[in-house]
Protein backbone atom coordinates (compact mmCIF):
# COMPACT_ATOMS: atom_id res chain seq x y z
CA MET A 1 88.88 93.37 86.20
CA PHE A 2 92.28 93.98 84.62
CA ARG A 3 91.72 95.13 81.04
CA THR A 4 92.88 92.99 78.12
CA ASP A 5 92.57 95.62 75.38
CA PHE A 6 95.84 97.25 76.42
CA PRO A 7 97.17 100.37 74.76
CA SER A 8 99.67 99.31 72.11
CA SER A 9 102.54 100.53 74.29
CA LEU A 10 101.71 98.11 77.15
CA GLN A 11 103.14 94.70 76.26
CA ALA A 12 102.99 91.36 78.07
CA LEU A 13 106.43 90.12 79.15
CA PRO A 14 107.34 86.42 78.82
CA VAL A 15 106.97 85.27 82.42
CA ALA A 16 105.80 81.77 83.40
CA GLY A 17 102.22 82.10 84.57
CA GLY A 18 101.84 85.54 82.96
CA GLY A 19 100.80 88.68 84.75
CA LEU A 20 103.67 91.06 83.91
CA TYR A 21 103.28 93.98 81.48
CA TYR A 22 105.58 96.84 80.51
CA ALA A 23 105.46 100.15 78.65
CA GLU A 24 108.91 101.74 78.33
CA ALA A 25 107.66 105.17 77.27
CA PHE A 26 104.39 105.40 79.23
CA LEU A 27 104.88 109.09 80.07
CA PRO A 28 106.32 111.49 77.47
CA PRO A 29 109.85 112.65 78.41
CA ALA A 30 108.91 116.25 79.21
CA GLU A 31 105.95 115.14 81.33
CA ALA A 32 108.12 112.61 83.15
CA ASP A 33 110.75 115.28 83.84
CA ASP A 34 108.18 117.70 85.24
CA CYS A 35 106.56 115.01 87.37
CA LEU A 36 109.89 113.90 88.84
CA ALA A 37 110.79 117.46 89.81
CA ALA A 38 107.37 118.05 91.38
CA LEU A 39 107.44 114.81 93.38
CA ARG A 40 110.93 115.42 94.76
CA ARG A 41 109.79 118.89 95.81
CA GLU A 42 106.25 118.26 97.11
CA VAL A 43 106.10 114.74 98.58
CA PRO A 44 106.67 114.61 102.39
CA TRP A 45 109.50 112.08 102.15
CA LYS A 46 110.68 110.24 105.26
CA GLN A 47 112.78 107.21 106.18
CA SER A 48 110.54 104.66 107.87
CA GLU A 49 111.48 101.94 110.34
CA ILE A 50 110.36 98.33 109.84
CA ARG A 51 110.77 95.01 111.64
CA LEU A 52 113.22 92.69 109.88
CA TYR A 53 114.27 89.34 111.34
CA GLY A 54 113.24 90.51 114.80
CA ARG A 55 115.12 93.82 114.60
CA THR A 56 113.91 97.36 113.95
CA VAL A 57 115.82 98.83 111.02
CA ARG A 58 115.59 101.94 108.86
CA GLU A 59 114.53 101.34 105.27
CA PRO A 60 117.35 101.92 102.73
CA ARG A 61 115.38 104.56 100.85
CA LEU A 62 112.90 107.37 101.50
CA GLY A 63 109.19 106.77 101.16
CA CYS A 64 105.66 108.05 101.47
CA TRP A 65 102.32 106.23 101.68
CA MET A 66 99.57 108.31 100.01
CA GLY A 67 95.93 107.66 99.26
CA ASP A 68 92.30 107.78 100.32
CA ALA A 69 91.67 108.34 104.03
CA GLY A 70 90.81 104.70 104.78
CA ALA A 71 93.65 103.10 102.81
CA VAL A 72 95.70 101.93 105.81
CA TYR A 73 98.57 99.56 104.95
CA ARG A 74 100.52 97.20 107.22
CA TYR A 75 104.00 96.09 106.21
CA SER A 76 106.79 94.45 108.22
CA GLY A 77 105.27 95.33 111.57
CA THR A 78 104.59 98.97 110.66
CA VAL A 79 101.19 100.60 110.09
CA PHE A 80 101.18 103.21 107.32
CA ARG A 81 98.39 105.80 107.36
CA PRO A 82 98.08 107.66 104.06
CA GLU A 83 99.12 111.20 103.37
CA PRO A 84 96.51 113.10 101.31
CA TRP A 85 96.79 112.99 97.53
CA ILE A 86 98.74 115.77 95.82
CA ALA A 87 98.10 116.99 92.27
CA PRO A 88 101.18 115.49 90.53
CA VAL A 89 100.42 112.03 91.94
CA LEU A 90 96.74 112.27 90.99
CA GLY A 91 97.75 113.09 87.42
CA VAL A 92 99.88 109.93 87.16
CA LYS A 93 97.13 107.91 88.88
CA GLN A 94 94.57 108.93 86.27
CA ALA A 95 96.88 107.92 83.41
CA VAL A 96 97.62 104.56 85.03
CA GLU A 97 93.95 103.86 85.68
CA ALA A 98 93.12 104.60 82.04
CA ALA A 99 95.84 102.19 80.87
CA THR A 100 94.97 99.32 83.21
CA GLY A 101 91.22 99.58 83.68
CA GLN A 102 91.78 99.60 87.47
CA VAL A 103 90.73 102.06 90.16
CA PHE A 104 93.48 102.59 92.74
CA ASN A 105 92.98 104.10 96.18
CA SER A 106 96.60 104.32 97.32
CA VAL A 107 100.21 104.53 96.21
CA LEU A 108 103.56 103.79 97.78
CA LEU A 109 106.18 106.30 96.66
CA ASN A 110 109.87 105.42 97.06
CA LEU A 111 112.82 107.74 96.53
CA TYR A 112 116.09 106.00 95.73
CA ARG A 113 118.63 108.75 96.35
CA ASP A 114 121.51 106.89 94.69
CA GLY A 115 122.70 103.35 93.96
CA ARG A 116 123.04 102.53 97.65
CA ASP A 117 119.27 102.79 98.16
CA ALA A 118 117.48 99.55 97.35
CA MET A 119 114.47 97.29 97.84
CA GLY A 120 115.02 93.74 99.08
CA TRP A 121 113.32 90.56 97.88
CA HIS A 122 109.61 90.56 98.71
CA SER A 123 106.11 89.97 97.37
CA ASP A 124 103.21 92.40 97.62
CA ASP A 125 100.96 89.78 99.18
CA GLU A 126 99.61 91.51 102.28
CA PRO A 127 95.99 90.56 103.12
CA GLU A 128 94.78 94.12 102.48
CA LEU A 129 95.64 93.72 98.78
CA GLY A 130 93.57 90.58 98.17
CA PRO A 131 94.66 87.26 96.59
CA ALA A 132 95.49 88.57 93.09
CA PRO A 133 96.32 92.28 93.32
CA VAL A 134 97.10 94.52 90.38
CA ILE A 135 100.17 96.63 91.20
CA ALA A 136 101.02 99.39 88.71
CA SER A 137 104.54 100.79 89.02
CA VAL A 138 105.70 104.04 87.38
CA SER A 139 109.44 104.82 87.39
CA LEU A 140 110.94 108.30 87.10
CA GLY A 141 114.59 109.36 87.06
CA GLY A 142 117.62 107.07 87.18
CA VAL A 143 117.30 103.68 85.49
CA ARG A 144 117.36 100.78 87.96
CA ARG A 145 117.14 97.00 87.53
CA PHE A 146 113.91 95.28 88.59
CA LEU A 147 114.55 91.61 89.40
CA LEU A 148 111.96 88.83 89.51
CA ARG A 149 112.43 85.31 90.93
CA GLU A 150 110.06 82.40 91.46
CA ARG A 151 109.31 81.27 95.01
CA ARG A 152 111.07 77.91 94.79
CA ALA A 153 114.45 76.57 95.77
CA GLY A 154 117.15 77.17 93.18
CA ALA A 155 115.08 79.58 91.08
CA ARG A 156 117.08 82.04 88.99
CA SER A 157 116.21 85.70 88.75
CA SER A 158 115.51 87.66 85.59
CA GLY A 159 115.48 91.41 85.26
CA ILE A 160 114.43 94.45 83.34
CA ALA A 161 115.87 97.98 83.38
CA LEU A 162 113.00 100.31 84.28
CA ALA A 163 113.26 103.41 82.12
CA HIS A 164 112.42 107.00 83.04
CA GLY A 165 108.67 107.40 82.45
CA SER A 166 108.00 103.66 82.21
CA LEU A 167 105.05 101.64 83.54
CA LEU A 168 105.34 98.08 84.87
CA VAL A 169 102.17 96.22 85.83
CA MET A 170 102.06 93.08 87.99
CA ALA A 171 98.77 91.18 87.93
CA GLY A 172 97.19 87.73 88.23
CA ASP A 173 99.01 85.32 90.54
CA LEU A 174 102.39 87.02 90.14
CA GLN A 175 102.61 87.96 93.84
CA GLN A 176 101.82 84.38 94.88
CA ARG A 177 104.40 82.82 92.54
CA TYR A 178 107.24 85.37 92.53
CA ARG A 179 109.32 87.75 94.61
CA HIS A 180 110.87 90.94 93.26
CA SER A 181 113.57 93.43 94.23
CA VAL A 182 115.51 96.53 93.21
CA PRO A 183 119.13 95.72 94.15
CA ARG A 184 121.93 98.10 95.07
CA THR A 185 124.37 99.10 92.37
CA ALA A 186 127.92 100.45 92.51
CA LYS A 187 127.43 102.24 89.21
CA PRO A 188 126.74 105.99 89.27
CA VAL A 189 122.99 106.46 88.94
CA ALA A 190 120.69 109.44 89.25
CA ALA A 191 117.99 109.65 91.90
CA ARG A 192 114.86 107.62 91.10
CA VAL A 193 111.25 107.98 92.22
CA ASN A 194 108.95 104.97 91.94
CA LEU A 195 105.17 105.04 92.39
CA THR A 196 103.42 101.70 92.97
CA PHE A 197 99.66 102.13 92.78
CA ARG A 198 97.52 99.66 94.71
CA ARG A 199 93.96 99.06 95.88
CA ILE A 200 93.54 98.46 99.60
CA LEU A 201 90.45 96.34 100.23
CA GLY A 202 88.02 97.34 102.94
């Protein structure tokens, strides 16, 4: 169960239906710097191909699926088999689990090399995640906008700038009610690594 006695740094954001929490300074600056450098150096980054509107396209970012041996993930027609855990990721995982009261068995790492790399509108609602998944997202490096929009015609999006070392948690029915994205930007922005911890159900 998602904990309700959050650390004081993890605050609920005003979203209809609830289920969104944020800590701007989850990791201390020096720890966040070290972690970013280690992840850029040690993660086996690659550019995956997915099916989109009947076409096979390359994702506009680099990524890596990591986790327990059985945590297989299917997304947009592609099957992702996890790379083994590495020490820097396990360290972040332990901190996130302590903050959320969850146990995660996998993480999707994304590397946004510059403002041209992005994530389109989607929900993390794959069957392997269950009906009300808890997704814990740690951001490192360049600050990017995270946008959220209800799944209804004419809905407007709202956004938050995800700081270096921050933690954003999506829980409850957020994936059923909303879509989210990280849009492109023409502004100069440093490279960003994002870790979204999940639990794949057996």
